[in-house]
Amino acid sequence: MKRTLELLIAMIIILSSGVVFSGEGSTVNAKDARQRLLDGNKRYVGAQMTHPNQTSERRQEVSNGQHPFAVVISCSDSRVPPEVLFDQGLGDIFVIRLAGNIVNDAALGSIEYAVEHLGVGYIMVLGHEKCGAVEATVKGGEAPGHIGALTGAIQPAVDKAKGLSGDLVDNAVRINAIMVVRQLKTSAPILEEKVKKGELVIEGGRYDFDDGVVEMLRGDN
């Protein structure tokens, strides 16, 4: 009787956490994946984080395989850790981080792996307020070392933001995220095909340092 009660309690905890397991990859649809991220962000903003899936049991569970429900592409900025600001845990999100939330070939291969082999059907490209990589691109000048690879990738967004009303850096942050979304949607053959079949949704977002809110980006900016 005691063992049965323990198993019942464990099952209730798993179901209430929204965790979904599948031998074929994630079974969380794009709408639900987006909502899980935004719900986690609301908990983070309200200082009511639940820190899901961070137990020793969860650690053992995911040692046998991973089934993330979303891919998050974010900046490497130390103030923008996706697992924290979305209040997620081990095995929940597949994270790609490069300064300026750009996507190069290596990042693209990682994303394709998550989509093709792990079954992820939702991707968020997350820009953020006062992005240093975007600010450096706006300032211009010679970029030392390999930093030019970053600013070169962001330059088209800065060019497009020039002449718009409002803050140039913030406009460029938003446009850069949307341009990466477009880049992924048209990335053949894997991502483009999945998008056309309706099996993959890719969206942009912007994180605000001051209030912690993740704003979904709509339209072409």
N, C-alpha and C. Protein backbone atom coordinates (compact mmCIF):
# COMPACT_ATOMS: atom_id res chain seq x y z
N MET A 1 0.83 -1.20 0.00
CA MET A 1 0.00 0.00 0.00
C MET A 1 0.88 1.26 0.00
N LYS A 2 1.89 1.25 0.85
CA LYS A 2 2.79 2.40 0.93
C LYS A 2 3.51 2.61 -0.38
N ARG A 3 3.96 1.52 -1.03
CA ARG A 3 4.66 1.61 -2.31
C ARG A 3 3.74 2.17 -3.39
N THR A 4 2.49 1.72 -3.38
CA THR A 4 1.51 2.20 -4.36
C THR A 4 1.27 3.69 -4.20
N LEU A 5 1.17 4.14 -2.95
CA LEU A 5 0.96 5.56 -2.67
C LEU A 5 2.14 6.39 -3.13
N GLU A 6 3.35 5.87 -2.92
CA GLU A 6 4.56 6.59 -3.35
C GLU A 6 4.60 6.74 -4.87
N LEU A 7 4.24 5.67 -5.58
CA LEU A 7 4.22 5.72 -7.05
C LEU A 7 3.17 6.70 -7.55
N LEU A 8 2.01 6.73 -6.87
CA LEU A 8 0.95 7.65 -7.26
C LEU A 8 1.38 9.09 -7.09
N ILE A 9 2.04 9.39 -5.98
CA ILE A 9 2.53 10.74 -5.71
C ILE A 9 3.57 11.15 -6.74
N ALA A 10 4.46 10.22 -7.07
CA ALA A 10 5.50 10.50 -8.07
C ALA A 10 4.88 10.82 -9.43
N MET A 11 3.83 10.06 -9.81
CA MET A 11 3.17 10.29 -11.09
C MET A 11 2.48 11.65 -11.11
N ILE A 12 1.86 12.02 -10.01
CA ILE A 12 1.19 13.34 -9.92
C ILE A 12 2.20 14.46 -10.09
N ILE A 13 3.37 14.32 -9.47
CA ILE A 13 4.42 15.34 -9.57
C ILE A 13 4.89 15.47 -11.01
N ILE A 14 5.10 14.34 -11.69
CA ILE A 14 5.57 14.37 -13.08
C ILE A 14 4.54 15.03 -13.98
N LEU A 15 3.26 14.65 -13.82
CA LEU A 15 2.22 15.22 -14.67
C LEU A 15 2.03 16.71 -14.41
N SER A 16 2.08 17.11 -13.15
CA SER A 16 1.87 18.53 -12.82
C SER A 16 3.02 19.40 -13.31
N SER A 17 4.18 18.81 -13.49
CA SER A 17 5.33 19.60 -13.96
C SER A 17 5.30 19.81 -15.46
N GLY A 18 4.41 19.10 -16.15
CA GLY A 18 4.29 19.27 -17.59
C GLY A 18 5.36 18.54 -18.36
N VAL A 19 6.07 17.63 -17.73
CA VAL A 19 7.13 16.91 -18.40
C VAL A 19 6.54 15.85 -19.32
N VAL A 20 7.04 15.77 -20.52
CA VAL A 20 6.57 14.79 -21.48
C VAL A 20 7.75 13.95 -21.97
N PHE A 21 7.59 12.64 -21.93
CA PHE A 21 8.66 11.76 -22.37
C PHE A 21 8.20 10.98 -23.59
N SER A 22 9.11 10.73 -24.49
CA SER A 22 8.79 9.97 -25.69
C SER A 22 10.06 9.36 -26.25
N GLY A 23 9.96 8.15 -26.70
CA GLY A 23 11.12 7.50 -27.29
C GLY A 23 11.49 8.11 -28.62
N GLU A 24 10.57 8.86 -29.24
CA GLU A 24 10.81 9.46 -30.54
C GLU A 24 11.15 10.94 -30.44
N GLY A 25 11.33 11.47 -29.26
CA GLY A 25 11.62 12.89 -29.11
C GLY A 25 10.47 13.61 -28.45
N SER A 26 10.52 14.92 -28.45
CA SER A 26 9.50 15.71 -27.78
C SER A 26 8.14 15.53 -28.42
N THR A 27 7.09 15.44 -27.58
CA THR A 27 5.72 15.37 -28.08
C THR A 27 4.97 16.64 -27.74
N VAL A 28 5.67 17.68 -27.33
CA VAL A 28 5.06 18.96 -27.00
C VAL A 28 4.91 19.77 -28.28
N ASN A 29 3.67 20.19 -28.60
CA ASN A 29 3.49 20.96 -29.82
C ASN A 29 4.00 22.39 -29.63
N ALA A 30 4.12 23.11 -30.75
CA ALA A 30 4.74 24.44 -30.72
C ALA A 30 3.99 25.42 -29.81
N LYS A 31 2.68 25.39 -29.88
CA LYS A 31 1.88 26.31 -29.06
C LYS A 31 2.11 26.07 -27.58
N ASP A 32 2.12 24.80 -27.19
CA ASP A 32 2.34 24.46 -25.79
C ASP A 32 3.77 24.76 -25.36
N ALA A 33 4.72 24.55 -26.27
CA ALA A 33 6.13 24.82 -25.96
C ALA A 33 6.32 26.31 -25.69
N ARG A 34 5.75 27.16 -26.55
CA ARG A 34 5.84 28.61 -26.35
C ARG A 34 5.22 28.99 -25.00
N GLN A 35 4.05 28.41 -24.72
CA GLN A 35 3.37 28.76 -23.48
C GLN A 35 4.16 28.31 -22.25
N ARG A 36 4.81 27.17 -22.34
CA ARG A 36 5.63 26.71 -21.20
C ARG A 36 6.79 27.67 -20.95
N LEU A 37 7.38 28.17 -22.02
CA LEU A 37 8.45 29.15 -21.85
C LEU A 37 7.92 30.44 -21.24
N LEU A 38 6.81 30.94 -21.75
CA LEU A 38 6.26 32.19 -21.25
C LEU A 38 5.73 32.06 -19.82
N ASP A 39 5.16 30.91 -19.50
CA ASP A 39 4.70 30.69 -18.13
C ASP A 39 5.90 30.68 -17.18
N GLY A 40 6.99 30.04 -17.61
CA GLY A 40 8.20 30.03 -16.79
C GLY A 40 8.76 31.43 -16.61
N ASN A 41 8.69 32.23 -17.67
CA ASN A 41 9.17 33.60 -17.57
C ASN A 41 8.32 34.42 -16.61
N LYS A 42 7.02 34.17 -16.60
CA LYS A 42 6.14 34.88 -15.66
C LYS A 42 6.51 34.53 -14.22
N ARG A 43 6.83 33.27 -13.98
CA ARG A 43 7.24 32.88 -12.63
C ARG A 43 8.55 33.58 -12.26
N TYR A 44 9.46 33.66 -13.22
CA TYR A 44 10.74 34.33 -12.99
C TYR A 44 10.53 35.81 -12.68
N VAL A 45 9.71 36.47 -13.47
CA VAL A 45 9.44 37.90 -13.28
C VAL A 45 8.81 38.15 -11.91
N GLY A 46 7.92 37.26 -11.51
CA GLY A 46 7.23 37.43 -10.23
C GLY A 46 7.96 36.84 -9.05
N ALA A 47 9.21 36.43 -9.26
CA ALA A 47 10.01 35.82 -8.19
C ALA A 47 9.29 34.64 -7.54
N GLN A 48 8.62 33.85 -8.38
CA GLN A 48 7.90 32.66 -7.92
C GLN A 48 8.38 31.42 -8.68
N MET A 49 9.67 31.35 -8.88
CA MET A 49 10.24 30.25 -9.64
C MET A 49 10.06 28.92 -8.91
N THR A 50 9.78 27.88 -9.70
CA THR A 50 9.58 26.54 -9.12
C THR A 50 10.81 25.66 -9.29
N HIS A 51 11.77 26.11 -10.13
CA HIS A 51 12.99 25.34 -10.39
C HIS A 51 12.67 23.89 -10.73
N PRO A 52 11.87 23.67 -11.78
CA PRO A 52 11.46 22.29 -12.10
C PRO A 52 12.61 21.45 -12.64
N ASN A 53 12.48 20.15 -12.47
CA ASN A 53 13.42 19.19 -13.06
C ASN A 53 14.87 19.46 -12.71
N GLN A 54 15.12 19.76 -11.46
CA GLN A 54 16.49 20.01 -11.02
C GLN A 54 16.87 19.11 -9.84
N THR A 55 16.17 17.99 -9.71
CA THR A 55 16.44 17.06 -8.63
C THR A 55 17.45 16.00 -9.05
N SER A 56 17.94 15.26 -8.09
CA SER A 56 18.87 14.16 -8.41
C SER A 56 18.16 13.09 -9.22
N GLU A 57 16.85 12.91 -8.96
CA GLU A 57 16.08 11.93 -9.72
C GLU A 57 16.00 12.34 -11.19
N ARG A 58 15.79 13.62 -11.42
CA ARG A 58 15.74 14.12 -12.80
C ARG A 58 17.10 13.96 -13.48
N ARG A 59 18.15 14.19 -12.72
CA ARG A 59 19.50 14.04 -13.28
C ARG A 59 19.72 12.60 -13.76
N GLN A 60 19.29 11.65 -12.97
CA GLN A 60 19.42 10.25 -13.36
C GLN A 60 18.53 9.92 -14.55
N GLU A 61 17.34 10.51 -14.56
CA GLU A 61 16.38 10.25 -15.63
C GLU A 61 16.93 10.69 -16.98
N VAL A 62 17.46 11.90 -17.05
CA VAL A 62 17.93 12.40 -18.34
C VAL A 62 19.29 11.84 -18.72
N SER A 63 19.93 11.10 -17.82
CA SER A 63 21.20 10.47 -18.18
C SER A 63 20.99 9.39 -19.24
N ASN A 64 19.75 8.94 -19.38
CA ASN A 64 19.42 7.91 -20.36
C ASN A 64 18.97 8.49 -21.70
N GLY A 65 18.86 9.81 -21.80
CA GLY A 65 18.42 10.43 -23.05
C GLY A 65 17.75 11.75 -22.79
N GLN A 66 17.68 12.58 -23.83
CA GLN A 66 17.08 13.89 -23.67
C GLN A 66 15.90 14.08 -24.62
N HIS A 67 14.88 14.79 -24.14
CA HIS A 67 13.70 15.09 -24.93
C HIS A 67 13.28 16.54 -24.68
N PRO A 68 14.10 17.52 -25.05
CA PRO A 68 13.76 18.92 -24.82
C PRO A 68 12.51 19.31 -25.59
N PHE A 69 11.73 20.23 -25.03
CA PHE A 69 10.50 20.62 -25.70
C PHE A 69 10.68 21.86 -26.57
N ALA A 70 11.83 22.53 -26.47
CA ALA A 70 12.07 23.73 -27.28
C ALA A 70 13.56 23.97 -27.46
N VAL A 71 13.88 24.69 -28.53
CA VAL A 71 15.23 25.20 -28.74
C VAL A 71 15.19 26.69 -28.45
N VAL A 72 16.15 27.18 -27.68
CA VAL A 72 16.27 28.62 -27.44
C VAL A 72 17.64 29.07 -27.92
N ILE A 73 17.64 30.02 -28.84
CA ILE A 73 18.87 30.61 -29.35
C ILE A 73 19.03 31.97 -28.70
N SER A 74 20.05 32.14 -27.89
CA SER A 74 20.18 33.40 -27.16
C SER A 74 21.61 33.91 -27.23
N CYS A 75 21.79 35.12 -26.71
CA CYS A 75 23.11 35.74 -26.64
C CYS A 75 23.93 35.06 -25.54
N SER A 76 25.25 35.16 -25.66
CA SER A 76 26.14 34.60 -24.64
C SER A 76 26.22 35.46 -23.38
N ASP A 77 25.60 36.63 -23.42
CA ASP A 77 25.61 37.56 -22.29
C ASP A 77 25.30 36.82 -20.98
N SER A 78 26.14 37.04 -19.96
CA SER A 78 26.00 36.33 -18.69
C SER A 78 24.70 36.66 -17.97
N ARG A 79 24.03 37.72 -18.40
CA ARG A 79 22.78 38.13 -17.75
C ARG A 79 21.55 37.54 -18.42
N VAL A 80 21.76 36.68 -19.40
CA VAL A 80 20.63 36.13 -20.15
C VAL A 80 20.68 34.60 -20.20
N PRO A 81 20.66 33.92 -19.06
CA PRO A 81 20.68 32.45 -19.07
C PRO A 81 19.26 31.91 -19.29
N PRO A 82 18.97 31.27 -20.42
CA PRO A 82 17.61 30.83 -20.73
C PRO A 82 16.98 29.94 -19.67
N GLU A 83 17.75 29.00 -19.11
CA GLU A 83 17.15 28.10 -18.11
C GLU A 83 16.65 28.86 -16.89
N VAL A 84 17.29 29.98 -16.57
CA VAL A 84 16.88 30.77 -15.41
C VAL A 84 15.68 31.63 -15.73
N LEU A 85 15.77 32.42 -16.81
CA LEU A 85 14.70 33.38 -17.08
C LEU A 85 13.43 32.73 -17.61
N PHE A 86 13.52 31.44 -18.01
CA PHE A 86 12.32 30.68 -18.37
C PHE A 86 11.94 29.66 -17.30
N ASP A 87 12.68 29.64 -16.20
CA ASP A 87 12.43 28.73 -15.07
C ASP A 87 12.26 27.28 -15.55
N GLN A 88 13.30 26.77 -16.18
CA GLN A 88 13.30 25.40 -16.67
C GLN A 88 14.45 24.62 -16.03
N GLY A 89 14.46 23.31 -16.28
CA GLY A 89 15.45 22.47 -15.63
C GLY A 89 16.20 21.57 -16.59
N LEU A 90 16.78 20.51 -16.05
CA LEU A 90 17.58 19.58 -16.84
C LEU A 90 16.74 18.91 -17.92
N GLY A 91 17.24 18.96 -19.15
CA GLY A 91 16.58 18.27 -20.24
C GLY A 91 15.37 18.97 -20.82
N ASP A 92 15.07 20.19 -20.36
CA ASP A 92 13.86 20.87 -20.82
C ASP A 92 14.06 21.66 -22.12
N ILE A 93 15.15 22.42 -22.21
CA ILE A 93 15.38 23.22 -23.40
C ILE A 93 16.78 23.00 -23.96
N PHE A 94 16.85 23.02 -25.27
CA PHE A 94 18.10 22.82 -26.00
C PHE A 94 18.61 24.22 -26.34
N VAL A 95 19.71 24.62 -25.73
CA VAL A 95 20.15 26.02 -25.80
C VAL A 95 21.36 26.20 -26.71
N ILE A 96 21.26 27.19 -27.59
CA ILE A 96 22.37 27.61 -28.45
C ILE A 96 22.71 29.04 -28.05
N ARG A 97 23.98 29.30 -27.69
CA ARG A 97 24.35 30.65 -27.25
C ARG A 97 25.59 31.16 -27.98
N LEU A 98 25.39 32.27 -28.70
CA LEU A 98 26.48 33.00 -29.33
C LEU A 98 26.20 34.48 -29.14
N ALA A 99 27.23 35.28 -28.97
CA ALA A 99 27.05 36.71 -28.79
C ALA A 99 26.20 37.28 -29.92
N GLY A 100 25.23 38.10 -29.54
CA GLY A 100 24.34 38.68 -30.55
C GLY A 100 23.30 37.72 -31.07
N ASN A 101 23.14 36.57 -30.41
CA ASN A 101 22.23 35.50 -30.83
C ASN A 101 22.25 35.28 -32.35
N ILE A 102 23.48 35.29 -32.89
CA ILE A 102 23.63 34.99 -34.31
C ILE A 102 23.67 33.48 -34.51
N VAL A 103 23.54 33.05 -35.75
CA VAL A 103 23.60 31.63 -36.06
C VAL A 103 24.62 31.41 -37.17
N ASN A 104 25.70 30.71 -36.84
CA ASN A 104 26.69 30.33 -37.85
C ASN A 104 26.47 28.87 -38.21
N ASP A 105 27.35 28.30 -39.03
CA ASP A 105 27.16 26.93 -39.49
C ASP A 105 27.15 25.91 -38.34
N ALA A 106 28.04 26.10 -37.36
CA ALA A 106 28.10 25.16 -36.24
C ALA A 106 26.81 25.23 -35.41
N ALA A 107 26.33 26.45 -35.19
CA ALA A 107 25.08 26.62 -34.44
C ALA A 107 23.91 26.02 -35.23
N LEU A 108 23.92 26.23 -36.53
CA LEU A 108 22.85 25.70 -37.37
C LEU A 108 22.83 24.18 -37.33
N GLY A 109 24.00 23.57 -37.34
CA GLY A 109 24.06 22.12 -37.24
C GLY A 109 23.50 21.62 -35.92
N SER A 110 23.76 22.35 -34.85
CA SER A 110 23.23 21.97 -33.54
C SER A 110 21.71 22.08 -33.52
N ILE A 111 21.20 23.13 -34.13
CA ILE A 111 19.75 23.34 -34.20
C ILE A 111 19.10 22.22 -35.02
N GLU A 112 19.72 21.89 -36.14
CA GLU A 112 19.19 20.82 -36.99
C GLU A 112 19.17 19.49 -36.24
N TYR A 113 20.18 19.26 -35.42
CA TYR A 113 20.22 18.03 -34.62
C TYR A 113 19.02 17.97 -33.68
N ALA A 114 18.74 19.10 -33.02
CA ALA A 114 17.62 19.14 -32.08
C ALA A 114 16.29 18.90 -32.78
N VAL A 115 16.15 19.46 -33.96
CA VAL A 115 14.90 19.33 -34.72
C VAL A 115 14.76 17.95 -35.35
N GLU A 116 15.82 17.50 -36.01
CA GLU A 116 15.77 16.25 -36.77
C GLU A 116 15.84 15.02 -35.89
N HIS A 117 16.71 15.04 -34.89
CA HIS A 117 16.94 13.83 -34.09
C HIS A 117 16.25 13.83 -32.73
N LEU A 118 15.98 15.01 -32.19
CA LEU A 118 15.31 15.07 -30.88
C LEU A 118 13.84 15.42 -31.00
N GLY A 119 13.40 15.74 -32.20
CA GLY A 119 11.97 15.97 -32.44
C GLY A 119 11.44 17.30 -31.94
N VAL A 120 12.29 18.29 -31.73
CA VAL A 120 11.82 19.58 -31.24
C VAL A 120 11.06 20.31 -32.35
N GLY A 121 9.91 20.87 -32.01
CA GLY A 121 9.07 21.55 -33.00
C GLY A 121 8.91 23.03 -32.76
N TYR A 122 9.67 23.58 -31.80
CA TYR A 122 9.54 25.02 -31.52
C TYR A 122 10.92 25.62 -31.23
N ILE A 123 11.20 26.74 -31.89
CA ILE A 123 12.46 27.46 -31.70
C ILE A 123 12.17 28.91 -31.37
N MET A 124 12.83 29.43 -30.34
CA MET A 124 12.76 30.86 -30.04
C MET A 124 14.14 31.47 -30.20
N VAL A 125 14.21 32.55 -30.99
CA VAL A 125 15.43 33.33 -31.13
C VAL A 125 15.29 34.52 -30.19
N LEU A 126 16.14 34.56 -29.17
CA LEU A 126 15.96 35.53 -28.09
C LEU A 126 17.03 36.62 -28.09
N GLY A 127 16.63 37.83 -28.50
CA GLY A 127 17.51 38.98 -28.36
C GLY A 127 17.32 39.60 -26.99
N HIS A 128 18.11 40.60 -26.67
CA HIS A 128 17.92 41.23 -25.35
C HIS A 128 18.33 42.70 -25.35
N GLU A 129 17.78 43.40 -24.39
CA GLU A 129 18.05 44.83 -24.21
C GLU A 129 19.56 45.10 -24.06
N LYS A 130 20.01 46.19 -24.63
CA LYS A 130 21.39 46.65 -24.47
C LYS A 130 22.42 45.57 -24.82
N CYS A 131 22.17 44.88 -25.91
CA CYS A 131 23.08 43.82 -26.34
C CYS A 131 24.44 44.41 -26.72
N GLY A 132 25.50 43.94 -26.08
CA GLY A 132 26.83 44.47 -26.32
C GLY A 132 27.31 44.24 -27.74
N ALA A 133 26.97 43.10 -28.31
CA ALA A 133 27.39 42.80 -29.68
C ALA A 133 26.72 43.75 -30.66
N VAL A 134 25.46 44.06 -30.41
CA VAL A 134 24.74 45.00 -31.27
C VAL A 134 25.29 46.41 -31.07
N GLU A 135 25.56 46.79 -29.83
CA GLU A 135 26.13 48.11 -29.55
C GLU A 135 27.48 48.29 -30.25
N ALA A 136 28.31 47.24 -30.24
CA ALA A 136 29.61 47.31 -30.89
C ALA A 136 29.46 47.48 -32.39
N THR A 137 28.45 46.83 -32.95
CA THR A 137 28.20 46.95 -34.38
C THR A 137 27.74 48.35 -34.74
N VAL A 138 26.89 48.92 -33.88
CA VAL A 138 26.40 50.28 -34.11
C VAL A 138 27.55 51.28 -34.05
N LYS A 139 28.46 51.10 -33.11
CA LYS A 139 29.59 52.02 -32.96
C LYS A 139 30.52 51.94 -34.16
N GLY A 140 30.64 50.77 -34.76
CA GLY A 140 31.47 50.59 -35.95
C GLY A 140 32.94 50.58 -35.61
N GLY A 141 33.78 50.81 -36.61
CA GLY A 141 35.22 50.76 -36.40
C GLY A 141 35.75 49.35 -36.56
N GLU A 142 37.04 49.20 -36.43
CA GLU A 142 37.67 47.90 -36.61
C GLU A 142 37.45 47.02 -35.38
N ALA A 143 36.99 45.82 -35.62
CA ALA A 143 36.76 44.86 -34.54
C ALA A 143 37.98 43.95 -34.43
N PRO A 144 38.61 43.88 -33.25
CA PRO A 144 39.81 43.06 -33.09
C PRO A 144 39.53 41.57 -33.11
N GLY A 145 40.57 40.81 -33.44
CA GLY A 145 40.46 39.35 -33.40
C GLY A 145 39.32 38.83 -34.26
N HIS A 146 38.57 37.91 -33.69
CA HIS A 146 37.46 37.29 -34.40
C HIS A 146 36.13 37.97 -34.12
N ILE A 147 36.15 39.08 -33.39
CA ILE A 147 34.91 39.79 -33.06
C ILE A 147 34.22 40.29 -34.33
N GLY A 148 35.01 40.54 -35.36
CA GLY A 148 34.44 40.98 -36.62
C GLY A 148 33.44 40.00 -37.21
N ALA A 149 33.59 38.72 -36.88
CA ALA A 149 32.64 37.72 -37.37
C ALA A 149 31.26 37.97 -36.77
N LEU A 150 31.23 38.47 -35.54
CA LEU A 150 29.97 38.78 -34.88
C LEU A 150 29.34 40.04 -35.45
N THR A 151 30.14 41.11 -35.47
CA THR A 151 29.61 42.39 -35.93
C THR A 151 29.21 42.32 -37.41
N GLY A 152 29.95 41.54 -38.18
CA GLY A 152 29.61 41.39 -39.59
C GLY A 152 28.25 40.73 -39.78
N ALA A 153 27.94 39.76 -38.91
CA ALA A 153 26.65 39.07 -39.00
C ALA A 153 25.50 39.97 -38.56
N ILE A 154 25.78 40.90 -37.65
CA ILE A 154 24.74 41.78 -37.11
C ILE A 154 24.56 43.05 -37.95
N GLN A 155 25.56 43.40 -38.74
CA GLN A 155 25.54 44.65 -39.51
C GLN A 155 24.28 44.84 -40.37
N PRO A 156 23.78 43.81 -41.05
CA PRO A 156 22.56 44.01 -41.85
C PRO A 156 21.38 44.50 -41.02
N ALA A 157 21.27 44.04 -39.76
CA ALA A 157 20.18 44.48 -38.90
C ALA A 157 20.37 45.94 -38.51
N VAL A 158 21.61 46.34 -38.23
CA VAL A 158 21.90 47.73 -37.89
C VAL A 158 21.60 48.63 -39.08
N ASP A 159 21.97 48.20 -40.27
CA ASP A 159 21.70 48.99 -41.47
C ASP A 159 20.21 49.19 -41.66
N LYS A 160 19.45 48.16 -41.41
CA LYS A 160 18.00 48.24 -41.58
C LYS A 160 17.37 49.12 -40.51
N ALA A 161 17.98 49.17 -39.33
CA ALA A 161 17.42 49.96 -38.22
C ALA A 161 17.69 51.45 -38.37
N LYS A 162 18.70 51.80 -39.13
CA LYS A 162 19.04 53.21 -39.31
C LYS A 162 17.89 53.95 -40.00
N GLY A 163 17.56 55.11 -39.46
CA GLY A 163 16.48 55.89 -40.04
C GLY A 163 15.14 55.64 -39.39
N LEU A 164 15.03 54.58 -38.59
CA LEU A 164 13.79 54.33 -37.87
C LEU A 164 13.71 55.21 -36.64
N SER A 165 12.51 55.54 -36.22
CA SER A 165 12.34 56.31 -34.99
C SER A 165 12.64 55.43 -33.79
N GLY A 166 13.06 56.04 -32.69
CA GLY A 166 13.38 55.27 -31.50
C GLY A 166 14.87 55.01 -31.37
N ASP A 167 15.22 54.18 -30.39
CA ASP A 167 16.61 53.89 -30.08
C ASP A 167 17.20 52.95 -31.14
N LEU A 168 18.34 53.36 -31.71
CA LEU A 168 18.95 52.58 -32.78
C LEU A 168 19.35 51.19 -32.32
N VAL A 169 19.98 51.11 -31.15
CA VAL A 169 20.44 49.80 -30.65
C VAL A 169 19.27 48.86 -30.42
N ASP A 170 18.23 49.35 -29.77
CA ASP A 170 17.10 48.48 -29.46
C ASP A 170 16.36 48.08 -30.73
N ASN A 171 16.23 48.99 -31.66
CA ASN A 171 15.62 48.64 -32.95
C ASN A 171 16.43 47.56 -33.64
N ALA A 172 17.76 47.70 -33.59
CA ALA A 172 18.63 46.71 -34.22
C ALA A 172 18.54 45.36 -33.52
N VAL A 173 18.42 45.37 -32.20
CA VAL A 173 18.25 44.12 -31.44
C VAL A 173 17.02 43.37 -31.93
N ARG A 174 15.92 44.08 -32.06
CA ARG A 174 14.67 43.46 -32.50
C ARG A 174 14.78 42.95 -33.94
N ILE A 175 15.32 43.78 -34.81
CA ILE A 175 15.45 43.40 -36.21
C ILE A 175 16.41 42.22 -36.37
N ASN A 176 17.49 42.23 -35.59
CA ASN A 176 18.45 41.13 -35.66
C ASN A 176 17.81 39.80 -35.30
N ALA A 177 16.98 39.79 -34.26
CA ALA A 177 16.30 38.55 -33.87
C ALA A 177 15.37 38.08 -34.97
N ILE A 178 14.63 39.00 -35.57
CA ILE A 178 13.71 38.64 -36.64
C ILE A 178 14.46 38.15 -37.87
N MET A 179 15.60 38.76 -38.16
CA MET A 179 16.39 38.32 -39.31
C MET A 179 16.94 36.91 -39.10
N VAL A 180 17.30 36.58 -37.87
CA VAL A 180 17.76 35.22 -37.58
C VAL A 180 16.60 34.24 -37.72
N VAL A 181 15.41 34.66 -37.30
CA VAL A 181 14.22 33.82 -37.50
C VAL A 181 14.05 33.50 -38.97
N ARG A 182 14.15 34.53 -39.81
CA ARG A 182 14.01 34.32 -41.26
C ARG A 182 15.12 33.41 -41.80
N GLN A 183 16.32 33.63 -41.30
CA GLN A 183 17.46 32.80 -41.73
C GLN A 183 17.16 31.33 -41.47
N LEU A 184 16.62 31.04 -40.30
CA LEU A 184 16.33 29.65 -39.94
C LEU A 184 15.17 29.09 -40.76
N LYS A 185 14.15 29.90 -40.96
CA LYS A 185 12.98 29.43 -41.71
C LYS A 185 13.32 29.06 -43.15
N THR A 186 14.35 29.68 -43.68
CA THR A 186 14.72 29.42 -45.07
C THR A 186 15.99 28.57 -45.18
N SER A 187 16.38 27.95 -44.08
CA SER A 187 17.58 27.12 -44.08
C SER A 187 17.25 25.72 -44.61
N ALA A 188 17.70 25.47 -45.83
CA ALA A 188 17.44 24.18 -46.46
C ALA A 188 18.58 23.20 -46.15
N PRO A 189 18.26 21.90 -46.13
CA PRO A 189 16.93 21.37 -46.41
C PRO A 189 16.08 21.10 -45.16
N ILE A 190 16.71 20.95 -44.01
CA ILE A 190 15.99 20.42 -42.84
C ILE A 190 14.97 21.39 -42.28
N LEU A 191 15.40 22.59 -41.87
CA LEU A 191 14.49 23.50 -41.19
C LEU A 191 13.41 24.03 -42.12
N GLU A 192 13.80 24.42 -43.32
CA GLU A 192 12.83 24.95 -44.27
C GLU A 192 11.73 23.93 -44.55
N GLU A 193 12.11 22.70 -44.73
CA GLU A 193 11.13 21.64 -45.01
C GLU A 193 10.18 21.44 -43.84
N LYS A 194 10.73 21.43 -42.63
CA LYS A 194 9.90 21.25 -41.43
C LYS A 194 8.91 22.40 -41.28
N VAL A 195 9.37 23.63 -41.55
CA VAL A 195 8.49 24.80 -41.45
C VAL A 195 7.36 24.70 -42.46
N LYS A 196 7.68 24.35 -43.69
CA LYS A 196 6.67 24.25 -44.75
C LYS A 196 5.64 23.18 -44.44
N LYS A 197 6.07 22.12 -43.77
CA LYS A 197 5.16 21.03 -43.41
C LYS A 197 4.34 21.34 -42.16
N GLY A 198 4.66 22.46 -41.52
CA GLY A 198 3.94 22.81 -40.30
C GLY A 198 4.43 22.05 -39.08
N GLU A 199 5.59 21.44 -39.20
CA GLU A 199 6.14 20.65 -38.10
C GLU A 199 7.09 21.45 -37.22
N LEU A 200 7.37 22.69 -37.62
CA LEU A 200 8.32 23.52 -36.88
C LEU A 200 7.87 24.97 -36.90
N VAL A 201 7.87 25.58 -35.73
CA VAL A 201 7.53 27.00 -35.58
C VAL A 201 8.76 27.72 -35.04
N ILE A 202 9.12 28.82 -35.67
CA ILE A 202 10.28 29.61 -35.25
C ILE A 202 9.84 31.04 -35.01
N GLU A 203 10.12 31.57 -33.82
CA GLU A 203 9.69 32.91 -33.46
C GLU A 203 10.82 33.68 -32.78
N GLY A 204 10.65 35.00 -32.73
CA GLY A 204 11.64 35.84 -32.07
C GLY A 204 11.11 36.42 -30.77
N GLY A 205 12.04 36.75 -29.88
CA GLY A 205 11.67 37.36 -28.61
C GLY A 205 12.73 38.35 -28.17
N ARG A 206 12.39 39.19 -27.22
CA ARG A 206 13.33 40.18 -26.67
C ARG A 206 13.22 40.17 -25.15
N TYR A 207 14.35 40.00 -24.49
CA TYR A 207 14.41 39.98 -23.02
C TYR A 207 14.79 41.36 -22.50
N ASP A 208 14.07 41.80 -21.49
CA ASP A 208 14.31 43.11 -20.88
C ASP A 208 15.03 42.95 -19.55
N PHE A 209 16.18 43.60 -19.41
CA PHE A 209 16.94 43.50 -18.17
C PHE A 209 16.19 44.05 -16.97
N ASP A 210 15.49 45.15 -17.16
CA ASP A 210 14.90 45.87 -16.04
C ASP A 210 13.75 45.13 -15.37
N ASP A 211 12.84 44.59 -16.17
CA ASP A 211 11.70 43.90 -15.56
C ASP A 211 11.73 42.39 -15.75
N GLY A 212 12.67 41.88 -16.55
CA GLY A 212 12.81 40.44 -16.74
C GLY A 212 11.83 39.81 -17.71
N VAL A 213 11.02 40.65 -18.36
CA VAL A 213 9.97 40.13 -19.24
C VAL A 213 10.52 39.76 -20.62
N VAL A 214 10.08 38.62 -21.12
CA VAL A 214 10.37 38.21 -22.50
C VAL A 214 9.17 38.62 -23.34
N GLU A 215 9.42 39.51 -24.29
CA GLU A 215 8.39 40.00 -25.20
C GLU A 215 8.49 39.25 -26.52
N MET A 216 7.38 38.73 -27.00
CA MET A 216 7.37 38.06 -28.29
C MET A 216 7.39 39.12 -29.39
N LEU A 217 8.23 38.89 -30.39
CA LEU A 217 8.36 39.82 -31.50
C LEU A 217 7.48 39.36 -32.65
N ARG A 218 6.70 40.28 -33.15
CA ARG A 218 5.77 39.97 -34.26
C ARG A 218 6.11 40.79 -35.48
N GLY A 219 5.68 40.34 -36.64
CA GLY A 219 5.85 41.09 -37.86
C GLY A 219 7.30 41.14 -38.32
N ASP A 220 7.56 42.04 -39.26
CA ASP A 220 8.87 42.14 -39.87
C ASP A 220 9.74 43.23 -39.29
N ASN A 221 9.20 43.98 -38.31
CA ASN A 221 9.98 45.06 -37.71
C ASN A 221 10.64 45.93 -38.76
